[in-house]
Amino acid sequence: MSPDVAAEAQKLGIKILEVRPVPVVTDLIMTTRSFIRREEDTVRRFMKGYAAAIHHFVTKRDDSLAILKKYFPGNQSVTVDAMYDSFAAQLRPLPELTVEAIQALVDVGAVADQRTKSLKPTDITEPRFLEELKGSKFLKDLYTEKVSL
């Protein structure tokens, strides 16, 4: 949690506990393997749209704040600003999951269902679309600053 968000939470009377970092899944997109097989082009287009949305969020702060304020109307402006800053700091150009974060998710699932205990992160992920996007002109163009003369 960012210091700004912690300060806002404390003002609201929320107790803040210091904990060591834990690998977490911050963005999770799920579908079935059969959907991926049937709709590969749809998955590719979705991933491009998702990457473009991340880019918009982190590069167009005022627009993004306006959207947040629309959906969180009761919050004070400072709180929404802190929420934006905290979330923007966590975003990466692509929603990549770390092996540690996926394993933590599997471990939590194993508490509820022992069958998931034997799963490995590679059993439940499909990195092909992210890998394609990483090497694509689309992503390079998205993150190349455009300057008008």
C-alpha atoms as a PDB file:
ATOM      1  CA  MET A   1       0.000   0.000   0.000  1.00  0.00           C
ATOM      2  CA  SER A   2       1.341   3.386  -0.926  1.00  0.00           C
ATOM      3  CA  PRO A   3       2.025   5.902   1.871  1.00  0.00           C
ATOM      4  CA  ASP A   4      -0.720   8.205   0.506  1.00  0.00           C
ATOM      5  CA  VAL A   5      -3.329   5.447   0.575  1.00  0.00           C
ATOM      6  CA  ALA A   6      -2.216   4.412   4.076  1.00  0.00           C
ATOM      7  CA  ALA A   7      -2.495   8.013   5.295  1.00  0.00           C
ATOM      8  CA  GLU A   8      -6.016   8.326   3.857  1.00  0.00           C
ATOM      9  CA  ALA A   9      -7.028   5.010   5.425  1.00  0.00           C
ATOM     10  CA  GLN A  10      -5.690   6.109   8.815  1.00  0.00           C
ATOM     11  CA  LYS A  11      -7.691   9.351   8.566  1.00  0.00           C
ATOM     12  CA  LEU A  12     -10.773   7.178   8.143  1.00  0.00           C
ATOM     13  CA  GLY A  13      -9.854   5.252  11.281  1.00  0.00           C
ATOM     14  CA  ILE A  14      -8.520   2.157   9.566  1.00  0.00           C
ATOM     15  CA  LYS A  15      -5.599   0.487  11.316  1.00  0.00           C
ATOM     16  CA  ILE A  16      -2.668  -0.161   9.003  1.00  0.00           C
ATOM     17  CA  LEU A  17      -0.550  -3.251   9.578  1.00  0.00           C
ATOM     18  CA  GLU A  18       2.970  -3.555   8.221  1.00  0.00           C
ATOM     19  CA  VAL A  19       3.425  -6.865   6.414  1.00  0.00           C
ATOM     20  CA  ARG A  20       6.115  -8.231   4.182  1.00  0.00           C
ATOM     21  CA  PRO A  21       5.370  -8.335   0.455  1.00  0.00           C
ATOM     22  CA  VAL A  22       3.454 -11.368  -0.722  1.00  0.00           C
ATOM     23  CA  PRO A  23       3.265 -12.327  -4.393  1.00  0.00           C
ATOM     24  CA  VAL A  24      -0.262 -11.583  -5.526  1.00  0.00           C
ATOM     25  CA  VAL A  25      -2.297 -11.747  -8.663  1.00  0.00           C
ATOM     26  CA  THR A  26      -3.375  -8.188  -9.436  1.00  0.00           C
ATOM     27  CA  ASP A  27      -5.017  -8.840 -12.792  1.00  0.00           C
ATOM     28  CA  LEU A  28      -6.539 -12.157 -13.680  1.00  0.00           C
ATOM     29  CA  ILE A  29      -8.266 -12.939 -16.942  1.00  0.00           C
ATOM     30  CA  MET A  30      -9.823 -16.356 -17.141  1.00  0.00           C
ATOM     31  CA  THR A  31     -11.435 -18.387 -19.862  1.00  0.00           C
ATOM     32  CA  THR A  32     -11.604 -21.984 -20.949  1.00  0.00           C
ATOM     33  CA  ARG A  33      -9.110 -23.725 -23.192  1.00  0.00           C
ATOM     34  CA  SER A  34     -11.970 -24.631 -25.549  1.00  0.00           C
ATOM     35  CA  PHE A  35     -12.843 -20.917 -25.932  1.00  0.00           C
ATOM     36  CA  ILE A  36      -9.200 -20.145 -26.702  1.00  0.00           C
ATOM     37  CA  ARG A  37      -9.135 -22.883 -29.356  1.00  0.00           C
ATOM     38  CA  ARG A  38     -12.400 -21.639 -30.927  1.00  0.00           C
ATOM     39  CA  GLU A  39     -11.772 -17.902 -30.617  1.00  0.00           C
ATOM     40  CA  GLU A  40      -8.036 -17.270 -30.909  1.00  0.00           C
ATOM     41  CA  ASP A  41      -8.573 -14.024 -32.822  1.00  0.00           C
ATOM     42  CA  THR A  42     -11.024 -12.777 -30.172  1.00  0.00           C
ATOM     43  CA  VAL A  43      -8.483 -13.500 -27.438  1.00  0.00           C
ATOM     44  CA  ARG A  44      -5.776 -11.630 -29.376  1.00  0.00           C
ATOM     45  CA  ARG A  45      -8.051  -8.615 -29.905  1.00  0.00           C
ATOM     46  CA  PHE A  46      -9.073  -8.645 -26.232  1.00  0.00           C
ATOM     47  CA  MET A  47      -5.442  -8.664 -25.109  1.00  0.00           C
ATOM     48  CA  LYS A  48      -4.662  -5.709 -27.395  1.00  0.00           C
ATOM     49  CA  GLY A  49      -7.648  -3.831 -25.968  1.00  0.00           C
ATOM     50  CA  TYR A  50      -6.594  -4.645 -22.426  1.00  0.00           C
ATOM     51  CA  ALA A  51      -3.041  -3.416 -23.087  1.00  0.00           C
ATOM     52  CA  ALA A  52      -4.443  -0.222 -24.664  1.00  0.00           C
ATOM     53  CA  ALA A  53      -6.688   0.321 -21.621  1.00  0.00           C
ATOM     54  CA  ILE A  54      -3.713  -0.015 -19.265  1.00  0.00           C
ATOM     55  CA  HIS A  55      -1.778   2.474 -21.383  1.00  0.00           C
ATOM     56  CA  HIS A  56      -4.697   4.921 -21.354  1.00  0.00           C
ATOM     57  CA  PHE A  57      -5.088   4.607 -17.587  1.00  0.00           C
ATOM     58  CA  VAL A  58      -1.450   5.347 -16.811  1.00  0.00           C
ATOM     59  CA  THR A  59      -0.890   8.045 -19.450  1.00  0.00           C
ATOM     60  CA  LYS A  60      -4.171   9.959 -19.216  1.00  0.00           C
ATOM     61  CA  ARG A  61      -4.402  10.635 -15.489  1.00  0.00           C
ATOM     62  CA  ASP A  62      -7.140  13.294 -15.659  1.00  0.00           C
ATOM     63  CA  ASP A  63      -9.392  11.156 -17.889  1.00  0.00           C
ATOM     64  CA  SER A  64      -8.822   8.144 -15.661  1.00  0.00           C
ATOM     65  CA  LEU A  65      -9.584  10.126 -12.504  1.00  0.00           C
ATOM     66  CA  ALA A  66     -12.835  11.357 -14.053  1.00  0.00           C
ATOM     67  CA  ILE A  67     -13.839   7.743 -14.764  1.00  0.00           C
ATOM     68  CA  LEU A  68     -12.951   6.652 -11.218  1.00  0.00           C
ATOM     69  CA  LYS A  69     -14.908   9.553  -9.732  1.00  0.00           C
ATOM     70  CA  LYS A  70     -17.925   8.563 -11.835  1.00  0.00           C
ATOM     71  CA  TYR A  71     -17.922   5.053 -10.355  1.00  0.00           C
ATOM     72  CA  PHE A  72     -16.854   6.090  -6.837  1.00  0.00           C
ATOM     73  CA  PRO A  73     -18.960   9.240  -6.426  1.00  0.00           C
ATOM     74  CA  GLY A  74     -19.144   9.210  -2.623  1.00  0.00           C
ATOM     75  CA  ASN A  75     -15.387   9.254  -2.143  1.00  0.00           C
ATOM     76  CA  GLN A  76     -13.453  12.373  -1.451  1.00  0.00           C
ATOM     77  CA  SER A  77     -11.302  13.639  -4.285  1.00  0.00           C
ATOM     78  CA  VAL A  78      -8.078  12.966  -2.352  1.00  0.00           C
ATOM     79  CA  THR A  79      -9.134   9.354  -1.761  1.00  0.00           C
ATOM     80  CA  VAL A  80      -9.842   8.772  -5.449  1.00  0.00           C
ATOM     81  CA  ASP A  81      -6.501  10.396  -6.331  1.00  0.00           C
ATOM     82  CA  ALA A  82      -4.738   8.095  -3.876  1.00  0.00           C
ATOM     83  CA  MET A  83      -6.648   5.104  -5.283  1.00  0.00           C
ATOM     84  CA  TYR A  84      -5.530   6.038  -8.791  1.00  0.00           C
ATOM     85  CA  ASP A  85      -1.898   6.523  -7.733  1.00  0.00           C
ATOM     86  CA  SER A  86      -1.822   3.193  -5.925  1.00  0.00           C
ATOM     87  CA  PHE A  87      -3.386   1.273  -8.789  1.00  0.00           C
ATOM     88  CA  ALA A  88      -1.340   3.026 -11.498  1.00  0.00           C
ATOM     89  CA  ALA A  89       1.863   2.166  -9.607  1.00  0.00           C
ATOM     90  CA  GLN A  90       0.972  -1.542  -9.762  1.00  0.00           C
ATOM     91  CA  LEU A  91       0.176  -1.648 -13.466  1.00  0.00           C
ATOM     92  CA  ARG A  92       2.622  -2.932 -16.002  1.00  0.00           C
ATOM     93  CA  PRO A  93       2.284  -2.528 -19.780  1.00  0.00           C
ATOM     94  CA  LEU A  94       1.074  -6.132 -19.974  1.00  0.00           C
ATOM     95  CA  PRO A  95      -0.896  -8.078 -17.362  1.00  0.00           C
ATOM     96  CA  GLU A  96       1.798 -10.662 -16.756  1.00  0.00           C
ATOM     97  CA  LEU A  97       1.591 -13.006 -13.812  1.00  0.00           C
ATOM     98  CA  THR A  98       4.676 -14.145 -11.967  1.00  0.00           C
ATOM     99  CA  VAL A  99       5.165 -17.823 -11.267  1.00  0.00           C
ATOM    100  CA  GLU A 100       5.276 -16.968  -7.530  1.00  0.00           C
ATOM    101  CA  ALA A 101       1.932 -15.171  -7.684  1.00  0.00           C
ATOM    102  CA  ILE A 102       0.280 -18.030  -9.572  1.00  0.00           C
ATOM    103  CA  GLN A 103       1.707 -20.539  -7.093  1.00  0.00           C
ATOM    104  CA  ALA A 104       0.320 -18.457  -4.208  1.00  0.00           C
ATOM    105  CA  LEU A 105      -3.094 -18.585  -5.907  1.00  0.00           C
ATOM    106  CA  VAL A 106      -2.811 -22.374  -6.293  1.00  0.00           C
ATOM    107  CA  ASP A 107      -1.804 -22.695  -2.630  1.00  0.00           C
ATOM    108  CA  VAL A 108      -4.844 -20.695  -1.503  1.00  0.00           C
ATOM    109  CA  GLY A 109      -7.070 -22.842  -3.716  1.00  0.00           C
ATOM    110  CA  ALA A 110      -5.597 -25.995  -2.178  1.00  0.00           C
ATOM    111  CA  VAL A 111      -6.976 -24.953   1.202  1.00  0.00           C
ATOM    112  CA  ALA A 112     -10.507 -25.208  -0.211  1.00  0.00           C
ATOM    113  CA  ASP A 113      -9.923 -28.098  -2.605  1.00  0.00           C
ATOM    114  CA  GLN A 114      -7.009 -30.505  -2.127  1.00  0.00           C
ATOM    115  CA  ARG A 115      -7.142 -31.515  -5.810  1.00  0.00           C
ATOM    116  CA  THR A 116      -5.584 -28.178  -6.764  1.00  0.00           C
ATOM    117  CA  LYS A 117      -2.525 -28.848  -4.605  1.00  0.00           C
ATOM    118  CA  SER A 118      -0.785 -30.757  -7.410  1.00  0.00           C
ATOM    119  CA  LEU A 119      -1.280 -27.999  -9.996  1.00  0.00           C
ATOM    120  CA  LYS A 120       1.734 -26.166 -11.316  1.00  0.00           C
ATOM    121  CA  PRO A 121       1.517 -22.588 -12.606  1.00  0.00           C
ATOM    122  CA  THR A 122       2.228 -23.815 -16.146  1.00  0.00           C
ATOM    123  CA  ASP A 123      -0.829 -26.115 -15.926  1.00  0.00           C
ATOM    124  CA  ILE A 124      -3.235 -23.195 -15.648  1.00  0.00           C
ATOM    125  CA  THR A 125      -1.760 -20.435 -17.791  1.00  0.00           C
ATOM    126  CA  GLU A 126      -1.633 -19.734 -21.506  1.00  0.00           C
ATOM    127  CA  PRO A 127       1.248 -17.293 -22.071  1.00  0.00           C
ATOM    128  CA  ARG A 128       1.164 -17.518 -25.877  1.00  0.00           C
ATOM    129  CA  PHE A 129      -0.978 -14.405 -26.375  1.00  0.00           C
ATOM    130  CA  LEU A 130       1.109 -12.274 -24.029  1.00  0.00           C
ATOM    131  CA  GLU A 131       4.296 -13.445 -25.728  1.00  0.00           C
ATOM    132  CA  GLU A 132       2.867 -12.537 -29.136  1.00  0.00           C
ATOM    133  CA  LEU A 133       1.842  -9.123 -27.846  1.00  0.00           C
ATOM    134  CA  LYS A 134       5.243  -8.508 -26.258  1.00  0.00           C
ATOM    135  CA  GLY A 135       6.962  -8.859 -29.597  1.00  0.00           C
ATOM    136  CA  SER A 136       4.316  -7.007 -31.569  1.00  0.00           C
ATOM    137  CA  LYS A 137       4.502  -3.696 -33.370  1.00  0.00           C
ATOM    138  CA  PHE A 138       1.215  -2.789 -31.645  1.00  0.00           C
ATOM    139  CA  LEU A 139       2.828  -2.684 -28.206  1.00  0.00           C
ATOM    140  CA  LYS A 140       5.950  -0.919 -29.440  1.00  0.00           C
ATOM    141  CA  ASP A 141       3.799   1.736 -31.135  1.00  0.00           C
ATOM    142  CA  LEU A 142       1.611   2.085 -28.060  1.00  0.00           C
ATOM    143  CA  TYR A 143       4.556   2.859 -25.807  1.00  0.00           C
ATOM    144  CA  THR A 144       6.537   4.969 -28.264  1.00  0.00           C
ATOM    145  CA  GLU A 145       6.047   8.616 -27.439  1.00  0.00           C
ATOM    146  CA  LYS A 146       4.519  10.454 -30.361  1.00  0.00           C
ATOM    147  CA  VAL A 147       5.643  14.040 -30.757  1.00  0.00           C
ATOM    148  CA  SER A 148       4.018  16.552 -33.107  1.00  0.00           C
ATOM    149  CA  LEU A 149       6.189  19.303 -34.570  1.00  0.00           C
END
